């Protein structure tokens, strides 16, 4: 469900499946791994997230708030309209930069 990749300046977390209460047990481990990495950019790839509830949004918010305290920039890539709505309802869209240029690999281009 969570795949973490790093470069000298950035960390990318690719999330797949549902980002909800069922994934909560993994949140602390992922957050601890990310906090131990000293990078200035955190990109969270949501291209393969099928569903996100308020528990998943709280996890993303927690990462973004930790990032702000540490001077990271937190970018959401592949954030669907539905997932952005959840973050908006939570009042948290201001915590993220949204990569609106990214095209998810499974998104079909217009014919």
PDB file of N, CA and C in Angstrom:
ATOM      1  N   UNK A   1       0.803  -1.191   0.000  1.00  0.00           N
ATOM      2  CA  UNK A   1       0.000   0.000   0.000  1.00  0.00           C
ATOM      3  C   UNK A   1       0.855   1.270   0.000  1.00  0.00           C
ATOM      4  N   UNK A   2       1.998   1.277   0.729  1.00  0.00           N
ATOM      5  CA  UNK A   2       2.884   2.430   0.782  1.00  0.00           C
ATOM      6  C   UNK A   2       4.250   2.044   0.231  1.00  0.00           C
ATOM      7  N   UNK A   3       4.744   2.844  -0.695  1.00  0.00           N
ATOM      8  CA  UNK A   3       6.085   2.629  -1.238  1.00  0.00           C
ATOM      9  C   UNK A   3       6.838   3.946  -1.121  1.00  0.00           C
ATOM     10  N   UNK A   4       7.999   3.904  -0.470  1.00  0.00           N
ATOM     11  CA  UNK A   4       8.784   5.113  -0.218  1.00  0.00           C
ATOM     12  C   UNK A   4      10.057   5.067  -1.049  1.00  0.00           C
ATOM     13  N   UNK A   5      10.306   6.141  -1.779  1.00  0.00           N
ATOM     14  CA  UNK A   5      11.527   6.275  -2.574  1.00  0.00           C
ATOM     15  C   UNK A   5      12.177   7.609  -2.211  1.00  0.00           C
ATOM     16  N   UNK A   6      13.510   7.620  -2.184  1.00  0.00           N
ATOM     17  CA  UNK A   6      14.211   8.847  -1.819  1.00  0.00           C
ATOM     18  C   UNK A   6      15.293   9.195  -2.822  1.00  0.00           C
ATOM     19  N   UNK A   7      15.570  10.481  -2.897  1.00  0.00           N
ATOM     20  CA  UNK A   7      16.728  11.030  -3.586  1.00  0.00           C
ATOM     21  C   UNK A   7      17.413  11.921  -2.553  1.00  0.00           C
ATOM     22  N   UNK A   8      18.562  12.497  -2.867  1.00  0.00           N
ATOM     23  CA  UNK A   8      19.223  13.345  -1.873  1.00  0.00           C
ATOM     24  C   UNK A   8      18.371  14.530  -1.388  1.00  0.00           C
ATOM     25  N   UNK A   9      17.449  15.027  -2.200  1.00  0.00           N
ATOM     26  CA  UNK A   9      16.657  16.195  -1.814  1.00  0.00           C
ATOM     27  C   UNK A   9      15.180  15.907  -1.563  1.00  0.00           C
ATOM     28  N   UNK A  10      14.680  14.764  -2.031  1.00  0.00           N
ATOM     29  CA  UNK A  10      13.236  14.546  -2.002  1.00  0.00           C
ATOM     30  C   UNK A  10      12.871  13.130  -1.577  1.00  0.00           C
ATOM     31  N   UNK A  11      11.663  13.028  -1.088  1.00  0.00           N
ATOM     32  CA  UNK A  11      11.071  11.740  -0.758  1.00  0.00           C
ATOM     33  C   UNK A  11       9.730  11.658  -1.459  1.00  0.00           C
ATOM     34  N   UNK A  12       9.445  10.502  -2.050  1.00  0.00           N
ATOM     35  CA  UNK A  12       8.151  10.256  -2.668  1.00  0.00           C
ATOM     36  C   UNK A  12       7.508   9.069  -1.986  1.00  0.00           C
ATOM     37  N   UNK A  13       6.250   9.249  -1.610  1.00  0.00           N
ATOM     38  CA  UNK A  13       5.462   8.164  -1.042  1.00  0.00           C
ATOM     39  C   UNK A  13       4.359   7.865  -2.031  1.00  0.00           C
ATOM     40  N   UNK A  14       4.389   6.665  -2.599  1.00  0.00           N
ATOM     41  CA  UNK A  14       3.327   6.233  -3.511  1.00  0.00           C
ATOM     42  C   UNK A  14       2.351   5.382  -2.702  1.00  0.00           C
ATOM     43  N   UNK A  15       1.093   5.761  -2.757  1.00  0.00           N
ATOM     44  CA  UNK A  15       0.059   5.071  -1.995  1.00  0.00           C
ATOM     45  C   UNK A  15      -0.889   4.417  -2.987  1.00  0.00           C
ATOM     46  N   UNK A  16      -1.255   3.172  -2.700  1.00  0.00           N
ATOM     47  CA  UNK A  16      -2.214   2.484  -3.562  1.00  0.00           C
ATOM     48  C   UNK A  16      -3.304   1.856  -2.703  1.00  0.00           C
ATOM     49  N   UNK A  17      -4.442   1.651  -3.319  1.00  0.00           N
ATOM     50  CA  UNK A  17      -5.568   1.057  -2.601  1.00  0.00           C
ATOM     51  C   UNK A  17      -6.393   2.112  -1.906  1.00  0.00           C
ATOM     52  N   UNK A  18      -6.971   1.728  -0.776  1.00  0.00           N
ATOM     53  CA  UNK A  18      -7.820   2.634  -0.008  1.00  0.00           C
ATOM     54  C   UNK A  18      -7.014   3.283   1.109  1.00  0.00           C
ATOM     55  N   UNK A  19      -7.136   4.580   1.223  1.00  0.00           N
ATOM     56  CA  UNK A  19      -6.474   5.334   2.288  1.00  0.00           C
ATOM     57  C   UNK A  19      -7.558   5.681   3.303  1.00  0.00           C
ATOM     58  N   UNK A  20      -7.811   4.723   4.172  1.00  0.00           N
ATOM     59  CA  UNK A  20      -8.917   4.861   5.108  1.00  0.00           C
ATOM     60  C   UNK A  20      -8.598   4.147   6.412  1.00  0.00           C
ATOM     61  N   UNK A  21      -9.606   3.953   7.218  1.00  0.00           N
ATOM     62  CA  UNK A  21      -9.436   3.337   8.531  1.00  0.00           C
ATOM     63  C   UNK A  21      -8.730   1.987   8.461  1.00  0.00           C
ATOM     64  N   UNK A  22      -8.935   1.250   7.387  1.00  0.00           N
ATOM     65  CA  UNK A  22      -8.314  -0.076   7.256  1.00  0.00           C
ATOM     66  C   UNK A  22      -6.794   0.001   7.131  1.00  0.00           C
ATOM     67  N   UNK A  23      -6.261   1.146   6.734  1.00  0.00           N
ATOM     68  CA  UNK A  23      -4.809   1.319   6.572  1.00  0.00           C
ATOM     69  C   UNK A  23      -4.164   1.994   7.781  1.00  0.00           C
ATOM     70  N   UNK A  24      -4.964   2.341   8.768  1.00  0.00           N
ATOM     71  CA  UNK A  24      -4.481   3.132   9.900  1.00  0.00           C
ATOM     72  C   UNK A  24      -3.290   2.507  10.621  1.00  0.00           C
ATOM     73  N   UNK A  25      -3.244   1.192  10.706  1.00  0.00           N
ATOM     74  CA  UNK A  25      -2.138   0.525  11.399  1.00  0.00           C
ATOM     75  C   UNK A  25      -0.785   0.814  10.760  1.00  0.00           C
ATOM     76  N   UNK A  26      -0.776   1.139   9.488  1.00  0.00           N
ATOM     77  CA  UNK A  26       0.474   1.416   8.776  1.00  0.00           C
ATOM     78  C   UNK A  26       0.910   2.874   8.900  1.00  0.00           C
ATOM     79  N   UNK A  27       0.008   3.757   9.297  1.00  0.00           N
ATOM     80  CA  UNK A  27       0.286   5.187   9.301  1.00  0.00           C
ATOM     81  C   UNK A  27       1.465   5.565  10.199  1.00  0.00           C
ATOM     82  N   UNK A  28       1.515   5.028  11.404  1.00  0.00           N
ATOM     83  CA  UNK A  28       2.596   5.393  12.332  1.00  0.00           C
ATOM     84  C   UNK A  28       3.958   4.962  11.810  1.00  0.00           C
ATOM     85  N   UNK A  29       4.013   3.766  11.239  1.00  0.00           N
ATOM     86  CA  UNK A  29       5.280   3.275  10.689  1.00  0.00           C
ATOM     87  C   UNK A  29       5.757   4.148   9.533  1.00  0.00           C
ATOM     88  N   UNK A  30       4.842   4.476   8.627  1.00  0.00           N
ATOM     89  CA  UNK A  30       5.200   5.319   7.483  1.00  0.00           C
ATOM     90  C   UNK A  30       5.624   6.700   7.965  1.00  0.00           C
ATOM     91  N   UNK A  31       4.875   7.287   8.876  1.00  0.00           N
ATOM     92  CA  UNK A  31       5.206   8.619   9.389  1.00  0.00           C
ATOM     93  C   UNK A  31       6.582   8.605  10.065  1.00  0.00           C
ATOM     94  N   UNK A  32       6.875   7.564  10.825  1.00  0.00           N
ATOM     95  CA  UNK A  32       8.174   7.466  11.491  1.00  0.00           C
ATOM     96  C   UNK A  32       9.304   7.365  10.471  1.00  0.00           C
ATOM     97  N   UNK A  33       9.102   6.581   9.432  1.00  0.00           N
ATOM     98  CA  UNK A  33      10.139   6.458   8.397  1.00  0.00           C
ATOM     99  C   UNK A  33      10.368   7.801   7.702  1.00  0.00           C
ATOM    100  N   UNK A  34       9.290   8.512   7.404  1.00  0.00           N
ATOM    101  CA  UNK A  34       9.425   9.797   6.716  1.00  0.00           C
ATOM    102  C   UNK A  34      10.090  10.833   7.611  1.00  0.00           C
ATOM    103  N   UNK A  35       9.743  10.841   8.878  1.00  0.00           N
ATOM    104  CA  UNK A  35      10.306  11.813   9.809  1.00  0.00           C
ATOM    105  C   UNK A  35      11.798  11.603   9.992  1.00  0.00           C
ATOM    106  N   UNK A  36      12.236  10.366   9.878  1.00  0.00           N
ATOM    107  CA  UNK A  36      13.665  10.092  10.045  1.00  0.00           C
ATOM    108  C   UNK A  36      14.481  10.529   8.825  1.00  0.00           C
ATOM    109  N   UNK A  37      13.818  10.737   7.699  1.00  0.00           N
ATOM    110  CA  UNK A  37      14.502  11.186   6.487  1.00  0.00           C
ATOM    111  C   UNK A  37      14.574  12.703   6.482  1.00  0.00           C
ATOM    112  N   UNK A  38      15.700  13.231   6.178  1.00  0.00           N
ATOM    113  CA  UNK A  38      15.891  14.683   6.171  1.00  0.00           C
ATOM    114  C   UNK A  38      15.889  15.180   4.731  1.00  0.00           C
ATOM    115  N   UNK A  39      14.704  15.378   4.187  1.00  0.00           N
ATOM    116  CA  UNK A  39      14.563  15.862   2.810  1.00  0.00           C
ATOM    117  C   UNK A  39      13.738  17.145   2.828  1.00  0.00           C
ATOM    118  N   UNK A  40      13.891  17.984   1.815  1.00  0.00           N
ATOM    119  CA  UNK A  40      13.168  19.249   1.779  1.00  0.00           C
ATOM    120  C   UNK A  40      11.865  19.177   0.982  1.00  0.00           C
ATOM    121  N   UNK A  41      11.656  18.087   0.264  1.00  0.00           N
ATOM    122  CA  UNK A  41      10.447  17.941  -0.545  1.00  0.00           C
ATOM    123  C   UNK A  41       9.834  16.575  -0.285  1.00  0.00           C
ATOM    124  N   UNK A  42       8.552  16.579   0.043  1.00  0.00           N
ATOM    125  CA  UNK A  42       7.798  15.342   0.196  1.00  0.00           C
ATOM    126  C   UNK A  42       6.696  15.344  -0.842  1.00  0.00           C
ATOM    127  N   UNK A  43       6.758  14.387  -1.754  1.00  0.00           N
ATOM    128  CA  UNK A  43       5.704  14.225  -2.747  1.00  0.00           C
ATOM    129  C   UNK A  43       4.906  12.985  -2.380  1.00  0.00           C
ATOM    130  N   UNK A  44       3.600  13.153  -2.297  1.00  0.00           N
ATOM    131  CA  UNK A  44       2.715  12.041  -1.994  1.00  0.00           C
ATOM    132  C   UNK A  44       1.931  11.740  -3.262  1.00  0.00           C
ATOM    133  N   UNK A  45       2.181  10.559  -3.807  1.00  0.00           N
ATOM    134  CA  UNK A  45       1.560  10.134  -5.063  1.00  0.00           C
ATOM    135  C   UNK A  45       0.266   9.390  -4.747  1.00  0.00           C
ATOM    136  N   UNK A  46      -0.844   9.991  -5.146  1.00  0.00           N
ATOM    137  CA  UNK A  46      -2.166   9.427  -4.884  1.00  0.00           C
ATOM    138  C   UNK A  46      -2.803   8.833  -6.135  1.00  0.00           C
ATOM    139  N   UNK A  47      -2.025   8.645  -7.197  1.00  0.00           N
ATOM    140  CA  UNK A  47      -2.578   8.158  -8.469  1.00  0.00           C
ATOM    141  C   UNK A  47      -3.349   6.853  -8.318  1.00  0.00           C
ATOM    142  N   UNK A  48      -2.882   5.982  -7.447  1.00  0.00           N
ATOM    143  CA  UNK A  48      -3.499   4.664  -7.306  1.00  0.00           C
ATOM    144  C   UNK A  48      -4.365   4.526  -6.062  1.00  0.00           C
ATOM    145  N   UNK A  49      -4.742   5.655  -5.473  1.00  0.00           N
ATOM    146  CA  UNK A  49      -5.659   5.622  -4.335  1.00  0.00           C
ATOM    147  C   UNK A  49      -7.082   5.571  -4.874  1.00  0.00           C
ATOM    148  N   UNK A  50      -7.785   4.507  -4.507  1.00  0.00           N
ATOM    149  CA  UNK A  50      -9.167   4.325  -4.979  1.00  0.00           C
ATOM    150  C   UNK A  50     -10.159   5.110  -4.140  1.00  0.00           C
ATOM    151  N   UNK A  51      -9.881   5.214  -2.826  1.00  0.00           N
ATOM    152  CA  UNK A  51     -10.827   5.841  -1.912  1.00  0.00           C
ATOM    153  C   UNK A  51     -10.055   6.420  -0.737  1.00  0.00           C
ATOM    154  N   UNK A  52     -10.486   7.585  -0.270  1.00  0.00           N
ATOM    155  CA  UNK A  52      -9.894   8.180   0.918  1.00  0.00           C
ATOM    156  C   UNK A  52     -11.013   8.707   1.795  1.00  0.00           C
ATOM    157  N   UNK A  53     -10.963   8.367   3.090  1.00  0.00           N
ATOM    158  CA  UNK A  53     -11.928   8.912   4.034  1.00  0.00           C
ATOM    159  C   UNK A  53     -11.225   9.919   4.940  1.00  0.00           C
ATOM    160  N   UNK A  54     -11.922  10.369   5.973  1.00  0.00           N
ATOM    161  CA  UNK A  54     -11.341  11.372   6.868  1.00  0.00           C
ATOM    162  C   UNK A  54     -10.134  10.840   7.627  1.00  0.00           C
ATOM    163  N   UNK A  55     -10.057   9.532   7.859  1.00  0.00           N
ATOM    164  CA  UNK A  55      -8.884   8.943   8.522  1.00  0.00           C
ATOM    165  C   UNK A  55      -7.659   9.082   7.623  1.00  0.00           C
ATOM    166  N   UNK A  56      -7.828   8.798   6.335  1.00  0.00           N
ATOM    167  CA  UNK A  56      -6.739   8.967   5.378  1.00  0.00           C
ATOM    168  C   UNK A  56      -6.348  10.425   5.237  1.00  0.00           C
ATOM    169  N   UNK A  57      -7.351  11.306   5.217  1.00  0.00           N
ATOM    170  CA  UNK A  57      -7.067  12.739   5.137  1.00  0.00           C
ATOM    171  C   UNK A  57      -6.290  13.194   6.370  1.00  0.00           C
ATOM    172  N   UNK A  58      -6.670  12.687   7.547  1.00  0.00           N
ATOM    173  CA  UNK A  58      -5.957  13.060   8.778  1.00  0.00           C
ATOM    174  C   UNK A  58      -4.494  12.639   8.713  1.00  0.00           C
ATOM    175  N   UNK A  59      -4.228  11.475   8.112  1.00  0.00           N
ATOM    176  CA  UNK A  59      -2.852  11.015   7.935  1.00  0.00           C
ATOM    177  C   UNK A  59      -2.076  11.981   7.042  1.00  0.00           C
ATOM    178  N   UNK A  60      -2.659  12.364   5.910  1.00  0.00           N
ATOM    179  CA  UNK A  60      -1.987  13.304   5.002  1.00  0.00           C
ATOM    180  C   UNK A  60      -1.777  14.652   5.679  1.00  0.00           C
ATOM    181  N   UNK A  61      -2.776  15.105   6.419  1.00  0.00           N
ATOM    182  CA  UNK A  61      -2.668  16.373   7.138  1.00  0.00           C
ATOM    183  C   UNK A  61      -1.538  16.320   8.154  1.00  0.00           C
ATOM    184  N   UNK A  62      -1.437  15.208   8.864  1.00  0.00           N
ATOM    185  CA  UNK A  62      -0.366  15.025   9.841  1.00  0.00           C
ATOM    186  C   UNK A  62       1.002  15.107   9.180  1.00  0.00           C
ATOM    187  N   UNK A  63       1.142  14.452   8.020  1.00  0.00           N
ATOM    188  CA  UNK A  63       2.424  14.521   7.297  1.00  0.00           C
ATOM    189  C   UNK A  63       2.734  15.950   6.880  1.00  0.00           C
ATOM    190  N   UNK A  64       1.723  16.658   6.369  1.00  0.00           N
ATOM    191  CA  UNK A  64       1.944  18.033   5.911  1.00  0.00           C
ATOM    192  C   UNK A  64       2.296  18.952   7.069  1.00  0.00           C
ATOM    193  N   UNK A  65       1.631  18.782   8.211  1.00  0.00           N
ATOM    194  CA  UNK A  65       1.933  19.619   9.371  1.00  0.00           C
ATOM    195  C   UNK A  65       3.326  19.336   9.918  1.00  0.00           C
ATOM    196  N   UNK A  66       3.706  18.075   9.947  1.00  0.00           N
ATOM    197  CA  UNK A  66       5.072  17.728  10.346  1.00  0.00           C
ATOM    198  C   UNK A  66       6.060  18.360   9.373  1.00  0.00           C
ATOM    199  N   UNK A  67       5.741  18.292   8.090  1.00  0.00           N
ATOM    200  CA  UNK A  67       6.591  18.891   7.072  1.00  0.00           C
ATOM    201  C   UNK A  67       6.758  20.387   7.261  1.00  0.00           C
ATOM    202  N   UNK A  68       5.670  21.057   7.572  1.00  0.00           N
ATOM    203  CA  UNK A  68       5.761  22.504   7.793  1.00  0.00           C
ATOM    204  C   UNK A  68       6.704  22.827   8.943  1.00  0.00           C
ATOM    205  N   UNK A  69       6.607  22.075  10.030  1.00  0.00           N
ATOM    206  CA  UNK A  69       7.484  22.313  11.185  1.00  0.00           C
ATOM    207  C   UNK A  69       8.949  22.046  10.846  1.00  0.00           C
ATOM    208  N   UNK A  70       9.193  21.135   9.908  1.00  0.00           N
ATOM    209  CA  UNK A  70      10.565  20.770   9.545  1.00  0.00           C
ATOM    210  C   UNK A  70      11.068  21.507   8.302  1.00  0.00           C
ATOM    211  N   UNK A  71      10.216  22.342   7.715  1.00  0.00           N
ATOM    212  CA  UNK A  71      10.615  23.108   6.546  1.00  0.00           C
ATOM    213  C   UNK A  71      10.470  22.365   5.231  1.00  0.00           C
ATOM    214  N   UNK A  72       9.694  21.297   5.216  1.00  0.00           N
ATOM    215  CA  UNK A  72       9.440  20.559   3.975  1.00  0.00           C
ATOM    216  C   UNK A  72       8.351  21.243   3.172  1.00  0.00           C
ATOM    217  N   UNK A  73       8.382  21.005   1.893  1.00  0.00           N
ATOM    218  CA  UNK A  73       7.269  21.326   1.008  1.00  0.00           C
ATOM    219  C   UNK A  73       6.548  20.008   0.760  1.00  0.00           C
ATOM    220  N   UNK A  74       5.236  19.970   0.940  1.00  0.00           N
ATOM    221  CA  UNK A  74       4.463  18.752   0.727  1.00  0.00           C
ATOM    222  C   UNK A  74       3.594  18.929  -0.511  1.00  0.00           C
ATOM    223  N   UNK A  75       3.810  18.050  -1.487  1.00  0.00           N
ATOM    224  CA  UNK A  75       3.106  18.110  -2.768  1.00  0.00           C
ATOM    225  C   UNK A  75       2.246  16.860  -2.922  1.00  0.00           C
ATOM    226  N   UNK A  76       1.010  17.060  -3.343  1.00  0.00           N
ATOM    227  CA  UNK A  76       0.141  15.935  -3.671  1.00  0.00           C
ATOM    228  C   UNK A  76       0.088  15.785  -5.183  1.00  0.00           C
ATOM    229  N   UNK A  77       0.420  14.606  -5.642  1.00  0.00           N
ATOM    230  CA  UNK A  77       0.423  14.300  -7.077  1.00  0.00           C
ATOM    231  C   UNK A  77      -0.689  13.287  -7.339  1.00  0.00           C
ATOM    232  N   UNK A  78      -1.460  13.514  -8.395  1.00  0.00           N
ATOM    233  CA  UNK A  78      -2.508  12.578  -8.774  1.00  0.00           C
ATOM    234  C   UNK A  78      -3.695  12.590  -7.828  1.00  0.00           C
ATOM    235  N   UNK A  79      -3.943  13.713  -7.204  1.00  0.00           N
ATOM    236  CA  UNK A  79      -5.059  13.831  -6.255  1.00  0.00           C
ATOM    237  C   UNK A  79      -6.359  13.990  -7.039  1.00  0.00           C
ATOM    238  N   UNK A  80      -7.250  13.028  -6.886  1.00  0.00           N
ATOM    239  CA  UNK A  80      -8.525  13.073  -7.601  1.00  0.00           C
ATOM    240  C   UNK A  80      -9.408  14.185  -7.043  1.00  0.00           C
ATOM    241  N   UNK A  81     -10.432  14.527  -7.796  1.00  0.00           N
ATOM    242  CA  UNK A  81     -11.401  15.532  -7.342  1.00  0.00           C
ATOM    243  C   UNK A  81     -12.044  15.095  -6.025  1.00  0.00           C
ATOM    244  N   UNK A  82     -12.376  13.806  -5.928  1.00  0.00           N
ATOM    245  CA  UNK A  82     -13.017  13.292  -4.710  1.00  0.00           C
ATOM    246  C   UNK A  82     -12.083  13.415  -3.504  1.00  0.00           C
ATOM    247  N   UNK A  83     -10.809  13.074  -3.689  1.00  0.00           N
ATOM    248  CA  UNK A  83      -9.859  13.166  -2.579  1.00  0.00           C
ATOM    249  C   UNK A  83      -9.575  14.616  -2.207  1.00  0.00           C
ATOM    250  N   UNK A  84      -9.527  15.465  -3.200  1.00  0.00           N
ATOM    251  CA  UNK A  84      -9.336  16.893  -2.912  1.00  0.00           C
ATOM    252  C   UNK A  84     -10.543  17.448  -2.147  1.00  0.00           C
ATOM    253  N   UNK A  85     -11.732  16.967  -2.483  1.00  0.00           N
ATOM    254  CA  UNK A  85     -12.937  17.376  -1.773  1.00  0.00           C
ATOM    255  C   UNK A  85     -12.851  16.997  -0.295  1.00  0.00           C
ATOM    256  N   UNK A  86     -12.382  15.782  -0.010  1.00  0.00           N
ATOM    257  CA  UNK A  86     -12.240  15.339   1.385  1.00  0.00           C
ATOM    258  C   UNK A  86     -11.285  16.278   2.124  1.00  0.00           C
ATOM    259  N   UNK A  87     -10.169  16.614   1.507  1.00  0.00           N
ATOM    260  CA  UNK A  87      -9.213  17.532   2.139  1.00  0.00           C
ATOM    261  C   UNK A  87      -9.811  18.922   2.314  1.00  0.00           C
ATOM    262  N   UNK A  88     -10.608  19.342   1.349  1.00  0.00           N
ATOM    263  CA  UNK A  88     -11.257  20.643   1.426  1.00  0.00           C
ATOM    264  C   UNK A  88     -12.267  20.682   2.568  1.00  0.00           C
ATOM    265  N   UNK A  89     -13.055  19.635   2.714  1.00  0.00           N
ATOM    266  CA  UNK A  89     -14.022  19.546   3.806  1.00  0.00           C
ATOM    267  C   UNK A  89     -13.304  19.586   5.146  1.00  0.00           C
ATOM    268  N   UNK A  90     -12.118  18.988   5.201  1.00  0.00           N
ATOM    269  CA  UNK A  90     -11.315  18.996   6.433  1.00  0.00           C
ATOM    270  C   UNK A  90     -10.616  20.341   6.646  1.00  0.00           C
ATOM    271  N   UNK A  91     -10.735  21.250   5.688  1.00  0.00           N
ATOM    272  CA  UNK A  91     -10.102  22.562   5.803  1.00  0.00           C
ATOM    273  C   UNK A  91      -8.599  22.519   5.680  1.00  0.00           C
ATOM    274  N   UNK A  92      -8.092  21.577   4.860  1.00  0.00           N
ATOM    275  CA  UNK A  92      -6.647  21.339   4.841  1.00  0.00           C
ATOM    276  C   UNK A  92      -5.965  21.572   3.499  1.00  0.00           C
ATOM    277  N   UNK A  93      -6.671  22.028   2.496  1.00  0.00           N
ATOM    278  CA  UNK A  93      -6.023  22.163   1.188  1.00  0.00           C
ATOM    279  C   UNK A  93      -4.864  23.165   1.223  1.00  0.00           C
ATOM    280  N   UNK A  94      -4.904  24.114   2.146  1.00  0.00           N
ATOM    281  CA  UNK A  94      -3.823  25.109   2.233  1.00  0.00           C
ATOM    282  C   UNK A  94      -2.494  24.504   2.677  1.00  0.00           C
ATOM    283  N   UNK A  95      -2.511  23.285   3.200  1.00  0.00           N
ATOM    284  CA  UNK A  95      -1.283  22.635   3.671  1.00  0.00           C
ATOM    285  C   UNK A  95      -0.471  22.010   2.542  1.00  0.00           C
ATOM    286  N   UNK A  96      -1.069  21.907   1.368  1.00  0.00           N
ATOM    287  CA  UNK A  96      -0.459  21.162   0.267  1.00  0.00           C
ATOM    288  C   UNK A  96      -0.288  22.029  -0.966  1.00  0.00           C
ATOM    289  N   UNK A  97       0.711  21.658  -1.744  1.00  0.00           N
ATOM    290  CA  UNK A  97       0.792  22.108  -3.126  1.00  0.00           C
ATOM    291  C   UNK A  97       0.240  20.961  -3.948  1.00  0.00           C
ATOM    292  N   UNK A  98      -0.523  21.261  -4.964  1.00  0.00           N
ATOM    293  CA  UNK A  98      -1.106  20.236  -5.816  1.00  0.00           C
ATOM    294  C   UNK A  98      -0.392  20.243  -7.157  1.00  0.00           C
ATOM    295  N   UNK A  99       0.123  19.085  -7.553  1.00  0.00           N
ATOM    296  CA  UNK A  99       0.784  18.932  -8.844  1.00  0.00           C
ATOM    297  C   UNK A  99      -0.307  18.716  -9.886  1.00  0.00           C
ATOM    298  N   UNK A 100      -0.738  19.801 -10.498  1.00  0.00           N
ATOM    299  CA  UNK A 100      -1.810  19.736 -11.485  1.00  0.00           C
ATOM    300  C   UNK A 100      -1.304  19.393 -12.884  1.00  0.00           C
ATOM    301  N   UNK A 101       0.006  19.335 -13.036  1.00  0.00           N
ATOM    302  CA  UNK A 101       0.603  19.012 -14.329  1.00  0.00           C
ATOM    303  C   UNK A 101       0.753  17.508 -14.533  1.00  0.00           C
ATOM    304  N   UNK A 102       0.810  16.769 -13.445  1.00  0.00           N
ATOM    305  CA  UNK A 102       1.044  15.328 -13.512  1.00  0.00           C
ATOM    306  C   UNK A 102      -0.154  14.609 -14.131  1.00  0.00           C
ATOM    307  N   UNK A 103       0.134  13.671 -15.016  1.00  0.00           N
ATOM    308  CA  UNK A 103      -0.899  12.816 -15.595  1.00  0.00           C
ATOM    309  C   UNK A 103      -0.610  11.400 -15.138  1.00  0.00           C
ATOM    310  N   UNK A 104      -1.551  10.840 -14.388  1.00  0.00           N
ATOM    311  CA  UNK A 104      -1.379   9.479 -13.882  1.00  0.00           C
ATOM    312  C   UNK A 104      -1.295   8.518 -15.054  1.00  0.00           C
ATOM    313  N   UNK A 105      -0.477   7.477 -14.889  1.00  0.00           N
ATOM    314  CA  UNK A 105      -0.243   6.540 -15.987  1.00  0.00           C
ATOM    315  C   UNK A 105      -1.498   5.799 -16.427  1.00  0.00           C
ATOM    316  N   UNK A 106      -2.477   5.652 -15.539  1.00  0.00           N
ATOM    317  CA  UNK A 106      -3.693   4.932 -15.901  1.00  0.00           C
ATOM    318  C   UNK A 106      -4.787   5.847 -16.436  1.00  0.00           C
ATOM    319  N   UNK A 107      -4.522   7.174 -16.456  1.00  0.00           N
ATOM    320  CA  UNK A 107      -5.486   8.114 -17.000  1.00  0.00           C
ATOM    321  C   UNK A 107      -5.380   8.130 -18.512  1.00  0.00           C
ATOM    322  N   UNK A 108      -6.498   7.968 -19.149  1.00  0.00           N
ATOM    323  CA  UNK A 108      -6.494   7.988 -20.616  1.00  0.00           C
ATOM    324  C   UNK A 108      -6.455   9.413 -21.106  1.00  0.00           C
ATOM    325  N   UNK A 109      -5.652   9.643 -22.116  1.00  0.00           N
ATOM    326  CA  UNK A 109      -5.612  10.975 -22.708  1.00  0.00           C
ATOM    327  C   UNK A 109      -6.811  11.142 -23.635  1.00  0.00           C
ATOM    328  N   UNK A 110      -7.292  12.371 -23.795  1.00  0.00           N
ATOM    329  CA  UNK A 110      -8.444  12.584 -24.666  1.00  0.00           C
ATOM    330  C   UNK A 110      -8.148  12.198 -26.096  1.00  0.00           C
ATOM    331  N   UNK A 111      -9.108  11.646 -26.757  1.00  0.00           N
ATOM    332  CA  UNK A 111      -8.927  11.192 -28.157  1.00  0.00           C
ATOM    333  C   UNK A 111      -9.041  12.332 -29.119  1.00  0.00           C
TER     334      UNK A 111
END
